[in-house]
Amino acid sequence: MTKPGAYIRLMRPANIVTAVADILMGFAASGAVILTFTQVRGNFPENGVEILAWLILSTIGLYGGGVVFNDVFDADLDRVERPERPIPSGKATLTGASILGALLLTIGIIAALQVSIVSAIIATVVACLAILYDWKGKHHAILGPINMGSCRGGNLLLGVSAIPAALEQLWFIAFIPIIYISAITMISRGEVHGGSTKALKGAIVLYLVVFAGIASLALLPQFSLWYSLPFLGLFAYLVFPPLFRAMPSPEPQFIMRAVKAGILALIVMNASIAAGFAGWQYGLAVLLLLPLSVFMARRFAVT
């Protein structure tokens, strides 16, 4: 018997909150925060808050649709490895999940179109990358993590597209979430049967590259590393201990904790970058999404 709550579980609500943090960070990086809440707007539209709302709705649709299709494509495998999930348990149907996923992706693209053609193009690319990952990408050892990371990098650029011209100067910051998500994807492959110490060590190296990448943003005149540092400290505290605990014995339960910590810490990573671009107050506002995501993670699956 199908249950409406099962379809909400398919959307991974706690993960969607982390996607909203991507948008808030991209919005800050583009300079839209300053232009929205000051009198110096230039060519930036007056309705900055409305633009942000459309971008948030877009990412909810894109991320929600992407993770729903993940379970659609994994339905046969989940009947063997994860029979408790909504589709194999019968609480959600394959047809219903497919319709929901398609609807969410469509909403994501249409919402982005309300901002600009550029935003709609980015949203369409993210949707296609998500489907590609769900269908084929996840099964490739090297391209899979890059594919998944590219979805997140595109989501960040969706936030930057609040001011399309900013994309020309800031496109490269998309590599930060690409590398970070690639690391998490590497780790997550051991969730069912256990991981490998080699993969965990590789993830640590990639995490360090992410920290170096964020620190290098200090080379930009509009970025203040001092505002970012407290958030970076919290970021490190959240992501490294679970990895080190899993290292001696990469059992599934330890791997799942490391993956969950990495996903939730995305909010802190975004807060650290947002603080550098828009001040510690804005970084703190982004960080406030963390308790919401943690609350949802206790009620809905993250991995």
Protein backbone atom coordinates (compact mmCIF):
# COMPACT_ATOMS: atom_id res chain seq x y z
CA MET A 1 0.00 0.00 0.00
CA THR A 2 1.47 3.34 -1.05
CA LYS A 3 1.91 6.13 1.48
CA PRO A 4 2.29 9.87 0.70
CA GLY A 5 5.09 10.15 3.26
CA ALA A 6 7.13 7.64 1.27
CA TYR A 7 7.34 10.05 -1.64
CA ILE A 8 8.68 12.73 0.68
CA ARG A 9 11.32 10.24 1.85
CA LEU A 10 12.34 9.74 -1.79
CA MET A 11 13.14 13.46 -2.04
CA ARG A 12 15.70 13.34 0.85
CA PRO A 13 14.50 16.58 2.56
CA ALA A 14 17.66 16.94 4.67
CA ASN A 15 19.78 16.88 1.50
CA ILE A 16 17.59 19.46 -0.21
CA VAL A 17 18.40 21.90 2.59
CA THR A 18 22.09 21.56 1.70
CA ALA A 19 21.25 22.40 -1.92
CA VAL A 20 19.54 25.59 -0.75
CA ALA A 21 22.81 26.49 0.98
CA ASP A 22 24.54 26.22 -2.43
CA ILE A 23 22.16 28.82 -3.81
CA LEU A 24 22.66 31.16 -0.87
CA MET A 25 26.41 30.90 -1.26
CA GLY A 26 26.32 31.48 -5.02
CA PHE A 27 23.99 34.43 -4.47
CA ALA A 28 26.53 35.92 -2.06
CA ALA A 29 29.48 35.27 -4.35
CA SER A 30 27.78 37.05 -7.25
CA GLY A 31 27.44 40.18 -5.13
CA ALA A 32 23.65 39.95 -5.21
CA VAL A 33 23.38 40.12 -1.41
CA ILE A 34 25.04 43.52 -1.30
CA LEU A 35 23.11 44.77 -4.32
CA THR A 36 19.80 43.56 -2.90
CA PHE A 37 20.14 45.19 0.50
CA THR A 38 21.88 48.45 -0.40
CA GLN A 39 20.98 51.42 -2.55
CA VAL A 40 23.80 50.80 -5.04
CA ARG A 41 22.11 48.46 -7.50
CA GLY A 42 23.24 49.62 -10.90
CA ASN A 43 21.82 47.21 -13.48
CA PHE A 44 20.72 44.68 -10.85
CA PRO A 45 16.92 44.29 -10.65
CA GLU A 46 15.10 45.73 -7.68
CA ASN A 47 13.49 42.38 -6.92
CA GLY A 48 16.58 40.64 -5.56
CA VAL A 49 14.65 38.75 -2.89
CA GLU A 50 12.22 37.49 -5.51
CA ILE A 51 15.12 36.29 -7.65
CA LEU A 52 16.56 34.42 -4.67
CA ALA A 53 13.16 32.80 -3.99
CA TRP A 54 12.90 31.54 -7.58
CA LEU A 55 16.45 30.12 -7.42
CA ILE A 56 15.68 28.35 -4.15
CA LEU A 57 12.53 26.83 -5.64
CA SER A 58 14.58 25.79 -8.66
CA THR A 59 17.18 23.95 -6.59
CA ILE A 60 14.47 22.22 -4.53
CA GLY A 61 13.00 20.88 -7.76
CA LEU A 62 16.32 19.91 -9.30
CA TYR A 63 17.76 18.19 -6.24
CA GLY A 64 14.49 16.56 -5.25
CA GLY A 65 13.92 15.26 -8.77
CA GLY A 66 17.48 14.02 -9.05
CA VAL A 67 17.41 11.94 -5.88
CA VAL A 68 13.92 10.57 -6.67
CA PHE A 69 15.21 9.27 -10.00
CA ASN A 70 18.19 7.78 -8.14
CA ASP A 71 15.76 5.41 -6.40
CA VAL A 72 13.82 4.85 -9.63
CA PHE A 73 16.91 3.61 -11.44
CA ASP A 74 18.07 1.62 -8.39
CA ALA A 75 14.70 -0.05 -7.76
CA ASP A 76 15.82 -3.56 -8.76
CA LEU A 77 19.08 -3.33 -6.83
CA ASP A 78 17.34 -1.92 -3.76
CA ARG A 79 14.98 -4.91 -3.69
CA VAL A 80 18.05 -6.97 -2.85
CA GLU A 81 20.31 -4.59 -0.90
CA ARG A 82 17.90 -2.06 0.65
CA PRO A 83 14.39 -3.56 0.71
CA GLU A 84 13.32 -1.04 3.36
CA ARG A 85 13.42 1.85 0.88
CA PRO A 86 10.08 3.28 -0.34
CA ILE A 87 9.91 1.64 -3.79
CA PRO A 88 10.99 -1.95 -2.95
CA SER A 89 8.92 -1.89 0.24
CA GLY A 90 5.81 -1.04 -1.79
CA LYS A 91 5.18 2.25 0.02
CA ALA A 92 5.83 4.11 -3.25
CA THR A 93 5.27 2.86 -6.79
CA LEU A 94 7.81 3.02 -9.57
CA THR A 95 5.35 4.92 -11.77
CA GLY A 96 4.46 7.37 -9.02
CA ALA A 97 8.13 8.01 -8.25
CA SER A 98 8.92 8.56 -11.94
CA ILE A 99 6.10 11.09 -12.29
CA LEU A 100 7.22 12.88 -9.12
CA GLY A 101 10.84 13.03 -10.29
CA ALA A 102 9.87 14.40 -13.72
CA LEU A 103 7.54 16.97 -12.15
CA LEU A 104 10.22 18.18 -9.73
CA LEU A 105 12.85 18.57 -12.47
CA THR A 106 10.37 20.47 -14.62
CA ILE A 107 9.56 22.80 -11.72
CA GLY A 108 13.30 23.36 -11.22
CA ILE A 109 13.82 24.45 -14.81
CA ILE A 110 10.67 26.60 -15.01
CA ALA A 111 11.53 28.36 -11.74
CA ALA A 112 15.03 29.15 -13.03
CA LEU A 113 13.49 30.57 -16.22
CA GLN A 114 11.73 33.19 -14.10
CA VAL A 115 15.19 34.58 -13.28
CA SER A 116 16.84 34.49 -16.71
CA ILE A 117 17.53 32.36 -19.76
CA VAL A 118 21.05 31.81 -18.40
CA SER A 119 19.64 30.42 -15.14
CA ALA A 120 17.28 28.15 -17.08
CA ILE A 121 20.15 26.80 -19.18
CA ILE A 122 22.17 26.03 -16.05
CA ALA A 123 19.14 24.34 -14.45
CA THR A 124 18.59 22.23 -17.57
CA VAL A 125 22.23 21.14 -17.58
CA VAL A 126 22.03 20.23 -13.87
CA ALA A 127 18.86 18.19 -14.51
CA CYS A 128 20.53 16.32 -17.37
CA LEU A 129 23.66 15.65 -15.29
CA ALA A 130 21.49 14.32 -12.45
CA ILE A 131 19.67 11.90 -14.76
CA LEU A 132 22.97 10.84 -16.33
CA TYR A 133 24.40 10.09 -12.90
CA ASP A 134 21.33 8.15 -11.77
CA TRP A 135 21.24 6.15 -14.99
CA LYS A 136 24.90 5.43 -15.80
CA GLY A 137 27.33 7.75 -14.03
CA LYS A 138 27.14 6.18 -10.56
CA HIS A 139 28.41 2.89 -11.97
CA HIS A 140 31.67 4.40 -13.25
CA ALA A 141 34.53 4.45 -10.73
CA ILE A 142 36.13 7.70 -11.95
CA LEU A 143 33.53 9.57 -13.99
CA GLY A 144 30.79 8.85 -11.45
CA PRO A 145 32.16 11.06 -8.67
CA ILE A 146 32.96 13.80 -11.21
CA ASN A 147 29.43 13.54 -12.64
CA MET A 148 27.88 13.85 -9.18
CA GLY A 149 30.20 16.72 -8.25
CA SER A 150 29.30 18.54 -11.46
CA CYS A 151 25.64 18.50 -10.43
CA ARG A 152 26.61 20.32 -7.25
CA GLY A 153 28.95 22.71 -9.04
CA GLY A 154 26.17 23.57 -11.46
CA ASN A 155 23.83 24.17 -8.55
CA LEU A 156 26.28 26.67 -7.08
CA LEU A 157 26.52 28.46 -10.44
CA LEU A 158 22.74 28.58 -10.48
CA GLY A 159 23.01 30.79 -7.39
CA VAL A 160 25.71 32.91 -9.01
CA SER A 161 23.42 33.40 -12.04
CA ALA A 162 21.36 35.84 -9.96
CA ILE A 163 23.75 38.28 -11.65
CA PRO A 164 24.58 36.55 -14.97
CA ALA A 165 27.62 38.76 -15.58
CA ALA A 166 29.21 37.39 -12.38
CA LEU A 167 29.50 33.96 -13.99
CA GLU A 168 32.33 35.23 -16.18
CA GLN A 169 34.43 36.15 -13.14
CA LEU A 170 33.43 33.36 -10.74
CA TRP A 171 32.82 30.23 -12.82
CA PHE A 172 35.88 28.56 -11.30
CA ILE A 173 34.40 28.37 -7.78
CA ALA A 174 32.23 25.53 -9.08
CA PHE A 175 35.32 23.32 -8.80
CA ILE A 176 35.14 23.51 -4.98
CA PRO A 177 31.86 21.56 -4.65
CA ILE A 178 32.84 19.34 -7.59
CA ILE A 179 35.93 18.18 -5.72
CA TYR A 180 34.13 17.94 -2.40
CA ILE A 181 31.18 15.92 -3.72
CA SER A 182 33.58 13.71 -5.66
CA ALA A 183 35.21 12.85 -2.33
CA ILE A 184 31.87 12.04 -0.68
CA THR A 185 30.82 9.93 -3.67
CA MET A 186 34.07 7.95 -3.42
CA ILE A 187 33.39 7.25 0.25
CA SER A 188 29.70 6.36 -0.29
CA ARG A 189 30.55 3.36 -2.46
CA GLY A 190 31.29 1.45 0.74
CA GLU A 191 27.89 2.09 2.36
CA VAL A 192 26.53 -1.39 1.66
CA HIS A 193 29.50 -3.76 1.54
CA GLY A 194 32.12 -1.70 3.33
CA GLY A 195 34.74 0.67 2.00
CA SER A 196 38.48 0.69 1.47
CA THR A 197 41.20 2.51 3.37
CA LYS A 198 42.57 3.68 0.03
CA ALA A 199 39.30 5.42 -0.83
CA LEU A 200 39.17 7.07 2.59
CA LYS A 201 42.73 8.36 2.23
CA GLY A 202 41.87 9.69 -1.21
CA ALA A 203 38.87 11.48 0.27
CA ILE A 204 41.07 13.13 2.91
CA VAL A 205 43.37 14.42 0.18
CA LEU A 206 40.41 15.83 -1.75
CA TYR A 207 39.03 17.44 1.42
CA LEU A 208 42.37 19.16 1.93
CA VAL A 209 42.27 20.40 -1.67
CA VAL A 210 38.82 21.87 -0.93
CA PHE A 211 40.16 23.72 2.12
CA ALA A 212 43.08 25.03 0.07
CA GLY A 213 40.66 26.12 -2.65
CA ILE A 214 38.52 28.08 -0.22
CA ALA A 215 41.61 29.70 1.31
CA SER A 216 42.81 30.69 -2.18
CA LEU A 217 39.66 32.75 -2.66
CA ALA A 218 41.41 35.30 -0.47
CA LEU A 219 43.21 36.31 -3.68
CA LEU A 220 39.92 37.84 -4.83
CA PRO A 221 39.46 41.46 -3.74
CA GLN A 222 35.86 40.84 -2.66
CA PHE A 223 36.66 37.86 -0.41
CA SER A 224 37.70 38.14 3.25
CA LEU A 225 39.41 35.03 4.63
CA TRP A 226 39.11 36.36 8.19
CA TYR A 227 35.32 36.15 8.05
CA SER A 228 35.60 32.67 6.59
CA LEU A 229 38.05 31.12 9.09
CA PRO A 230 35.66 30.37 12.01
CA PHE A 231 33.34 28.54 9.64
CA LEU A 232 36.25 26.64 8.12
CA GLY A 233 37.23 25.48 11.61
CA LEU A 234 33.73 24.08 12.18
CA PHE A 235 33.81 22.52 8.71
CA ALA A 236 37.03 20.65 9.53
CA TYR A 237 35.63 19.52 12.89
CA LEU A 238 32.62 17.96 11.18
CA VAL A 239 34.22 16.17 8.22
CA PHE A 240 37.57 14.81 9.38
CA PRO A 241 36.79 12.89 12.63
CA PRO A 242 34.25 10.50 10.98
CA LEU A 243 36.80 9.71 8.27
CA PHE A 244 39.57 9.02 10.77
CA ARG A 245 37.24 6.80 12.82
CA ALA A 246 36.38 4.78 9.70
CA MET A 247 40.00 4.39 8.63
CA PRO A 248 41.00 1.43 10.86
CA SER A 249 37.81 -0.47 10.09
CA PRO A 250 35.89 0.76 7.01
CA GLU A 251 32.68 -1.07 7.93
CA PRO A 252 29.37 0.05 6.35
CA GLN A 253 28.11 1.75 9.53
CA PHE A 254 31.27 3.89 9.80
CA ILE A 255 31.17 4.70 6.09
CA MET A 256 27.53 5.80 6.35
CA ARG A 257 28.40 8.13 9.24
CA ALA A 258 31.26 9.65 7.24
CA VAL A 259 28.98 10.17 4.23
CA LYS A 260 26.20 11.66 6.35
CA ALA A 261 28.67 14.02 8.05
CA GLY A 262 30.06 15.05 4.68
CA ILE A 263 26.63 15.82 3.23
CA LEU A 264 25.45 17.85 6.22
CA ALA A 265 28.79 19.68 6.37
CA LEU A 266 28.06 21.03 2.90
CA ILE A 267 26.06 23.72 4.66
CA VAL A 268 29.09 24.71 6.74
CA MET A 269 31.31 24.73 3.65
CA ASN A 270 28.84 27.03 1.91
CA ALA A 271 28.63 29.22 5.01
CA SER A 272 32.42 29.58 5.08
CA ILE A 273 32.52 30.82 1.49
CA ALA A 274 29.40 32.97 1.85
CA ALA A 275 30.92 34.66 4.93
CA GLY A 276 34.03 35.50 2.94
CA PHE A 277 31.99 37.16 0.20
CA ALA A 278 29.17 38.79 2.18
CA GLY A 279 30.31 39.04 5.82
CA TRP A 280 30.05 36.83 8.89
CA GLN A 281 26.40 37.78 9.46
CA TYR A 282 25.38 36.31 6.12
CA GLY A 283 27.59 33.28 6.76
CA LEU A 284 25.80 32.77 10.06
CA ALA A 285 22.44 32.99 8.30
CA VAL A 286 23.52 30.21 5.93
CA LEU A 287 24.83 28.17 8.88
CA LEU A 288 21.38 28.30 10.49
CA LEU A 289 20.27 25.84 7.82
CA LEU A 290 22.43 23.20 9.54
CA PRO A 291 20.14 22.51 12.54
CA LEU A 292 17.19 22.30 10.13
CA SER A 293 19.03 19.75 8.00
CA VAL A 294 20.13 17.77 11.08
CA PHE A 295 16.54 17.76 12.35
CA MET A 296 15.30 16.40 9.02
CA ALA A 297 18.16 13.88 8.85
CA ARG A 298 16.83 12.26 12.02
CA ARG A 299 13.51 11.60 10.29
CA PHE A 300 14.49 10.98 6.68
CA ALA A 301 17.35 9.10 5.04
CA VAL A 302 20.36 11.12 3.95
CA THR A 303 22.29 8.45 2.03
